[in-house]
Amino acid sequence: MAQEMRQARVDELVDPIAQHPGYDATESKIALWGHPLHAMTVAFPVALTFCAFGADALYLLSGETFWARAGVWAAGTAFLFGLAAGATGTMELLMVRGIRIRAPAWTHFVIAVLLLSLLGANWGYRIQGYEAAVLPYGILLSGFNVLMVMATGWHGGKLVFDYRLGTSKGS
């Protein structure tokens, strides 16, 4: 009897977010010919973050100045392309009601803003003297940025693949 009453209460529960008008409106509005711009631009800062860490590791192993210089370029372009990816993602978050209403979208946004600030710090730290910046803090920043990229990408991928947020539905 008690279990039946508990089940009846569970059956009565309604998710107020899922009942909100526009909950299913998750299609990308920041797109070029139906292709979401955020999904297209995010690949560059992700790859360049890994490149900055790789350049630091290669500088550590070889001592070649080239790798320290490559690290500053990779860190800088990761930050600049990250600004573009962040702008398209922010516009998507603010313009699409079905994305804006979900808490995981805001979690991804907060982590991505933190990542963007760390990418900028990594680049800024290297501008004055790229060789001296690699050890010890440059490689530590680059390594931490790689971990942050993985966390941000995991959350972003979950939004796309599990919730179908910010995608094109073919309409």
C-alpha atoms as a PDB file:
ATOM      1  CA  MET A   1       0.000   0.000   0.000  1.00  0.00           C
ATOM      2  CA  ALA A   2       2.752   2.447   0.975  1.00  0.00           C
ATOM      3  CA  GLN A   3       4.718   1.611  -2.168  1.00  0.00           C
ATOM      4  CA  GLU A   4       1.648   2.241  -4.317  1.00  0.00           C
ATOM      5  CA  MET A   5       1.180   5.646  -2.685  1.00  0.00           C
ATOM      6  CA  ARG A   6       4.842   6.536  -3.303  1.00  0.00           C
ATOM      7  CA  GLN A   7       4.516   5.462  -6.945  1.00  0.00           C
ATOM      8  CA  ALA A   8       1.382   7.588  -7.302  1.00  0.00           C
ATOM      9  CA  ARG A   9       3.296  10.610  -5.954  1.00  0.00           C
ATOM     10  CA  VAL A  10       6.176   9.962  -8.361  1.00  0.00           C
ATOM     11  CA  ASP A  11       3.731   9.696 -11.270  1.00  0.00           C
ATOM     12  CA  GLU A  12       2.304  13.096 -10.288  1.00  0.00           C
ATOM     13  CA  LEU A  13       5.694  14.856 -10.393  1.00  0.00           C
ATOM     14  CA  VAL A  14       6.084  17.205 -13.326  1.00  0.00           C
ATOM     15  CA  ASP A  15       9.325  18.795 -14.467  1.00  0.00           C
ATOM     16  CA  PRO A  16       8.514  22.539 -14.711  1.00  0.00           C
ATOM     17  CA  ILE A  17      11.444  23.127 -17.076  1.00  0.00           C
ATOM     18  CA  ALA A  18      10.249  20.474 -19.529  1.00  0.00           C
ATOM     19  CA  GLN A  19       6.772  22.039 -19.458  1.00  0.00           C
ATOM     20  CA  HIS A  20       8.150  25.487 -20.330  1.00  0.00           C
ATOM     21  CA  PRO A  21       7.188  26.859 -23.748  1.00  0.00           C
ATOM     22  CA  GLY A  22      10.153  26.663 -26.087  1.00  0.00           C
ATOM     23  CA  TYR A  23      11.786  23.752 -24.263  1.00  0.00           C
ATOM     24  CA  ASP A  24      12.026  21.806 -27.510  1.00  0.00           C
ATOM     25  CA  ALA A  25      13.255  24.803 -29.535  1.00  0.00           C
ATOM     26  CA  THR A  26      16.956  23.932 -29.530  1.00  0.00           C
ATOM     27  CA  GLU A  27      17.929  24.435 -33.163  1.00  0.00           C
ATOM     28  CA  SER A  28      20.939  26.655 -33.817  1.00  0.00           C
ATOM     29  CA  LYS A  29      20.179  30.256 -34.781  1.00  0.00           C
ATOM     30  CA  ILE A  30      23.835  31.208 -35.298  1.00  0.00           C
ATOM     31  CA  ALA A  31      24.471  29.152 -38.396  1.00  0.00           C
ATOM     32  CA  LEU A  32      25.761  29.434 -41.930  1.00  0.00           C
ATOM     33  CA  TRP A  33      23.564  27.552 -44.417  1.00  0.00           C
ATOM     34  CA  GLY A  34      22.261  25.369 -41.611  1.00  0.00           C
ATOM     35  CA  HIS A  35      25.689  24.596 -40.127  1.00  0.00           C
ATOM     36  CA  PRO A  36      26.084  25.819 -36.513  1.00  0.00           C
ATOM     37  CA  LEU A  37      28.999  28.269 -36.261  1.00  0.00           C
ATOM     38  CA  HIS A  38      29.870  27.398 -32.672  1.00  0.00           C
ATOM     39  CA  ALA A  39      30.437  23.770 -33.576  1.00  0.00           C
ATOM     40  CA  MET A  40      32.628  24.831 -36.499  1.00  0.00           C
ATOM     41  CA  THR A  41      34.747  27.376 -34.630  1.00  0.00           C
ATOM     42  CA  VAL A  42      35.355  25.405 -31.434  1.00  0.00           C
ATOM     43  CA  ALA A  43      37.681  22.902 -33.139  1.00  0.00           C
ATOM     44  CA  PHE A  44      40.433  25.501 -33.622  1.00  0.00           C
ATOM     45  CA  PRO A  45      41.022  26.562 -29.992  1.00  0.00           C
ATOM     46  CA  VAL A  46      40.783  22.925 -28.889  1.00  0.00           C
ATOM     47  CA  ALA A  47      43.455  21.794 -31.353  1.00  0.00           C
ATOM     48  CA  LEU A  48      45.685  24.804 -30.693  1.00  0.00           C
ATOM     49  CA  THR A  49      45.520  24.248 -26.928  1.00  0.00           C
ATOM     50  CA  PHE A  50      46.901  20.756 -27.453  1.00  0.00           C
ATOM     51  CA  CYS A  51      49.506  22.204 -29.844  1.00  0.00           C
ATOM     52  CA  ALA A  52      50.688  24.696 -27.203  1.00  0.00           C
ATOM     53  CA  PHE A  53      51.145  21.884 -24.699  1.00  0.00           C
ATOM     54  CA  GLY A  54      52.918  19.772 -27.318  1.00  0.00           C
ATOM     55  CA  ALA A  55      55.252  22.627 -28.215  1.00  0.00           C
ATOM     56  CA  ASP A  56      56.096  23.107 -24.535  1.00  0.00           C
ATOM     57  CA  ALA A  57      56.818  19.410 -24.128  1.00  0.00           C
ATOM     58  CA  LEU A  58      59.013  19.378 -27.235  1.00  0.00           C
ATOM     59  CA  TYR A  59      60.892  22.452 -25.982  1.00  0.00           C
ATOM     60  CA  LEU A  60      61.413  20.696 -22.657  1.00  0.00           C
ATOM     61  CA  LEU A  61      62.762  17.603 -24.413  1.00  0.00           C
ATOM     62  CA  SER A  62      64.881  19.250 -27.116  1.00  0.00           C
ATOM     63  CA  GLY A  63      65.753  22.734 -25.860  1.00  0.00           C
ATOM     64  CA  GLU A  64      65.114  24.102 -29.377  1.00  0.00           C
ATOM     65  CA  THR A  65      63.983  27.741 -29.369  1.00  0.00           C
ATOM     66  CA  PHE A  66      61.652  26.986 -32.257  1.00  0.00           C
ATOM     67  CA  TRP A  67      59.316  25.043 -29.971  1.00  0.00           C
ATOM     68  CA  ALA A  68      59.113  27.867 -27.429  1.00  0.00           C
ATOM     69  CA  ARG A  69      58.249  30.287 -30.238  1.00  0.00           C
ATOM     70  CA  ALA A  70      55.700  27.808 -31.632  1.00  0.00           C
ATOM     71  CA  GLY A  71      54.168  27.596 -28.143  1.00  0.00           C
ATOM     72  CA  VAL A  72      53.576  31.336 -27.955  1.00  0.00           C
ATOM     73  CA  TRP A  73      51.936  31.312 -31.399  1.00  0.00           C
ATOM     74  CA  ALA A  74      49.777  28.323 -30.526  1.00  0.00           C
ATOM     75  CA  ALA A  75      48.724  29.868 -27.207  1.00  0.00           C
ATOM     76  CA  GLY A  76      47.890  33.192 -28.862  1.00  0.00           C
ATOM     77  CA  THR A  77      45.897  31.747 -31.722  1.00  0.00           C
ATOM     78  CA  ALA A  78      44.090  29.377 -29.324  1.00  0.00           C
ATOM     79  CA  PHE A  79      42.989  32.424 -27.342  1.00  0.00           C
ATOM     80  CA  LEU A  80      41.954  34.435 -30.411  1.00  0.00           C
ATOM     81  CA  PHE A  81      40.030  31.581 -32.000  1.00  0.00           C
ATOM     82  CA  GLY A  82      38.589  30.891 -28.545  1.00  0.00           C
ATOM     83  CA  LEU A  83      37.152  34.409 -28.547  1.00  0.00           C
ATOM     84  CA  ALA A  84      35.367  33.653 -31.828  1.00  0.00           C
ATOM     85  CA  ALA A  85      34.067  30.314 -30.538  1.00  0.00           C
ATOM     86  CA  GLY A  86      33.006  31.975 -27.294  1.00  0.00           C
ATOM     87  CA  ALA A  87      31.154  34.745 -29.114  1.00  0.00           C
ATOM     88  CA  THR A  88      29.168  32.298 -31.254  1.00  0.00           C
ATOM     89  CA  GLY A  89      28.454  30.062 -28.262  1.00  0.00           C
ATOM     90  CA  THR A  90      27.310  32.992 -26.128  1.00  0.00           C
ATOM     91  CA  MET A  91      25.001  34.247 -28.872  1.00  0.00           C
ATOM     92  CA  GLU A  92      23.579  30.732 -29.221  1.00  0.00           C
ATOM     93  CA  LEU A  93      23.021  30.478 -25.464  1.00  0.00           C
ATOM     94  CA  LEU A  94      21.297  33.835 -25.213  1.00  0.00           C
ATOM     95  CA  MET A  95      19.203  33.628 -28.393  1.00  0.00           C
ATOM     96  CA  VAL A  96      17.816  30.081 -28.235  1.00  0.00           C
ATOM     97  CA  ARG A  97      15.245  29.594 -25.490  1.00  0.00           C
ATOM     98  CA  GLY A  98      15.548  25.797 -25.394  1.00  0.00           C
ATOM     99  CA  ILE A  99      19.277  26.116 -24.750  1.00  0.00           C
ATOM    100  CA  ARG A 100      19.046  29.018 -22.327  1.00  0.00           C
ATOM    101  CA  ILE A 101      16.560  27.232 -20.046  1.00  0.00           C
ATOM    102  CA  ARG A 102      18.811  24.218 -19.388  1.00  0.00           C
ATOM    103  CA  ALA A 103      21.277  24.250 -16.477  1.00  0.00           C
ATOM    104  CA  PRO A 104      23.909  22.096 -18.273  1.00  0.00           C
ATOM    105  CA  ALA A 105      24.207  24.780 -20.964  1.00  0.00           C
ATOM    106  CA  TRP A 106      25.113  27.326 -18.296  1.00  0.00           C
ATOM    107  CA  THR A 107      27.626  24.921 -16.760  1.00  0.00           C
ATOM    108  CA  HIS A 108      29.311  24.583 -20.154  1.00  0.00           C
ATOM    109  CA  PHE A 109      29.284  28.374 -20.527  1.00  0.00           C
ATOM    110  CA  VAL A 110      30.931  28.998 -17.141  1.00  0.00           C
ATOM    111  CA  ILE A 111      33.638  26.385 -17.715  1.00  0.00           C
ATOM    112  CA  ALA A 112      34.284  27.756 -21.220  1.00  0.00           C
ATOM    113  CA  VAL A 113      34.668  31.329 -19.899  1.00  0.00           C
ATOM    114  CA  LEU A 114      37.155  30.057 -17.312  1.00  0.00           C
ATOM    115  CA  LEU A 115      39.026  28.225 -20.075  1.00  0.00           C
ATOM    116  CA  LEU A 116      39.096  31.353 -22.224  1.00  0.00           C
ATOM    117  CA  SER A 117      40.590  33.379 -19.372  1.00  0.00           C
ATOM    118  CA  LEU A 118      43.240  30.695 -18.825  1.00  0.00           C
ATOM    119  CA  LEU A 119      44.079  30.658 -22.549  1.00  0.00           C
ATOM    120  CA  GLY A 120      44.529  34.429 -22.418  1.00  0.00           C
ATOM    121  CA  ALA A 121      46.719  34.148 -19.313  1.00  0.00           C
ATOM    122  CA  ASN A 122      48.852  31.499 -21.012  1.00  0.00           C
ATOM    123  CA  TRP A 123      49.388  33.722 -24.039  1.00  0.00           C
ATOM    124  CA  GLY A 124      49.962  36.875 -21.973  1.00  0.00           C
ATOM    125  CA  TYR A 125      52.531  35.128 -19.812  1.00  0.00           C
ATOM    126  CA  ARG A 126      54.538  34.145 -22.887  1.00  0.00           C
ATOM    127  CA  ILE A 127      54.532  37.416 -24.832  1.00  0.00           C
ATOM    128  CA  GLN A 128      57.405  39.095 -22.967  1.00  0.00           C
ATOM    129  CA  GLY A 129      59.853  36.212 -23.147  1.00  0.00           C
ATOM    130  CA  TYR A 130      58.666  33.010 -24.707  1.00  0.00           C
ATOM    131  CA  GLU A 131      61.723  30.898 -23.864  1.00  0.00           C
ATOM    132  CA  ALA A 132      61.825  31.855 -20.196  1.00  0.00           C
ATOM    133  CA  ALA A 133      58.052  31.448 -19.912  1.00  0.00           C
ATOM    134  CA  VAL A 134      57.956  27.745 -20.760  1.00  0.00           C
ATOM    135  CA  LEU A 135      59.530  26.456 -17.558  1.00  0.00           C
ATOM    136  CA  PRO A 136      57.940  25.963 -15.123  1.00  0.00           C
ATOM    137  CA  TYR A 137      54.709  27.965 -15.409  1.00  0.00           C
ATOM    138  CA  GLY A 138      54.161  27.883 -19.167  1.00  0.00           C
ATOM    139  CA  ILE A 139      54.018  24.116 -19.403  1.00  0.00           C
ATOM    140  CA  LEU A 140      51.904  23.925 -16.242  1.00  0.00           C
ATOM    141  CA  LEU A 141      49.424  26.432 -17.682  1.00  0.00           C
ATOM    142  CA  SER A 142      49.360  24.559 -20.979  1.00  0.00           C
ATOM    143  CA  GLY A 143      48.775  21.252 -19.230  1.00  0.00           C
ATOM    144  CA  PHE A 144      45.988  22.686 -17.114  1.00  0.00           C
ATOM    145  CA  ASN A 145      44.454  24.226 -20.244  1.00  0.00           C
ATOM    146  CA  VAL A 146      44.410  20.788 -21.869  1.00  0.00           C
ATOM    147  CA  LEU A 147      42.495  19.429 -18.873  1.00  0.00           C
ATOM    148  CA  MET A 148      40.074  22.370 -19.023  1.00  0.00           C
ATOM    149  CA  VAL A 149      39.549  21.845 -22.771  1.00  0.00           C
ATOM    150  CA  MET A 150      38.691  18.217 -22.105  1.00  0.00           C
ATOM    151  CA  ALA A 151      36.167  19.158 -19.389  1.00  0.00           C
ATOM    152  CA  THR A 152      34.611  21.896 -21.514  1.00  0.00           C
ATOM    153  CA  GLY A 153      34.471  19.661 -24.577  1.00  0.00           C
ATOM    154  CA  TRP A 154      32.894  16.842 -22.608  1.00  0.00           C
ATOM    155  CA  HIS A 155      30.139  19.161 -21.386  1.00  0.00           C
ATOM    156  CA  GLY A 156      29.642  20.629 -24.851  1.00  0.00           C
ATOM    157  CA  GLY A 157      29.531  17.205 -26.452  1.00  0.00           C
ATOM    158  CA  LYS A 158      26.981  16.064 -23.888  1.00  0.00           C
ATOM    159  CA  LEU A 159      24.778  19.033 -24.793  1.00  0.00           C
ATOM    160  CA  VAL A 160      24.954  18.170 -28.482  1.00  0.00           C
ATOM    161  CA  PHE A 161      24.763  14.396 -28.383  1.00  0.00           C
ATOM    162  CA  ASP A 162      22.453  13.838 -25.393  1.00  0.00           C
ATOM    163  CA  TYR A 163      20.184  16.885 -25.617  1.00  0.00           C
ATOM    164  CA  ARG A 164      20.609  17.834 -29.313  1.00  0.00           C
ATOM    165  CA  LEU A 165      21.218  21.478 -28.357  1.00  0.00           C
ATOM    166  CA  GLY A 166      22.563  23.938 -30.917  1.00  0.00           C
ATOM    167  CA  THR A 167      22.275  21.533 -33.825  1.00  0.00           C
ATOM    168  CA  SER A 168      20.511  21.792 -37.144  1.00  0.00           C
ATOM    169  CA  LYS A 169      17.333  19.790 -37.393  1.00  0.00           C
ATOM    170  CA  GLY A 170      17.260  20.056 -41.179  1.00  0.00           C
ATOM    171  CA  SER A 171      14.461  22.613 -41.332  1.00  0.00           C
END
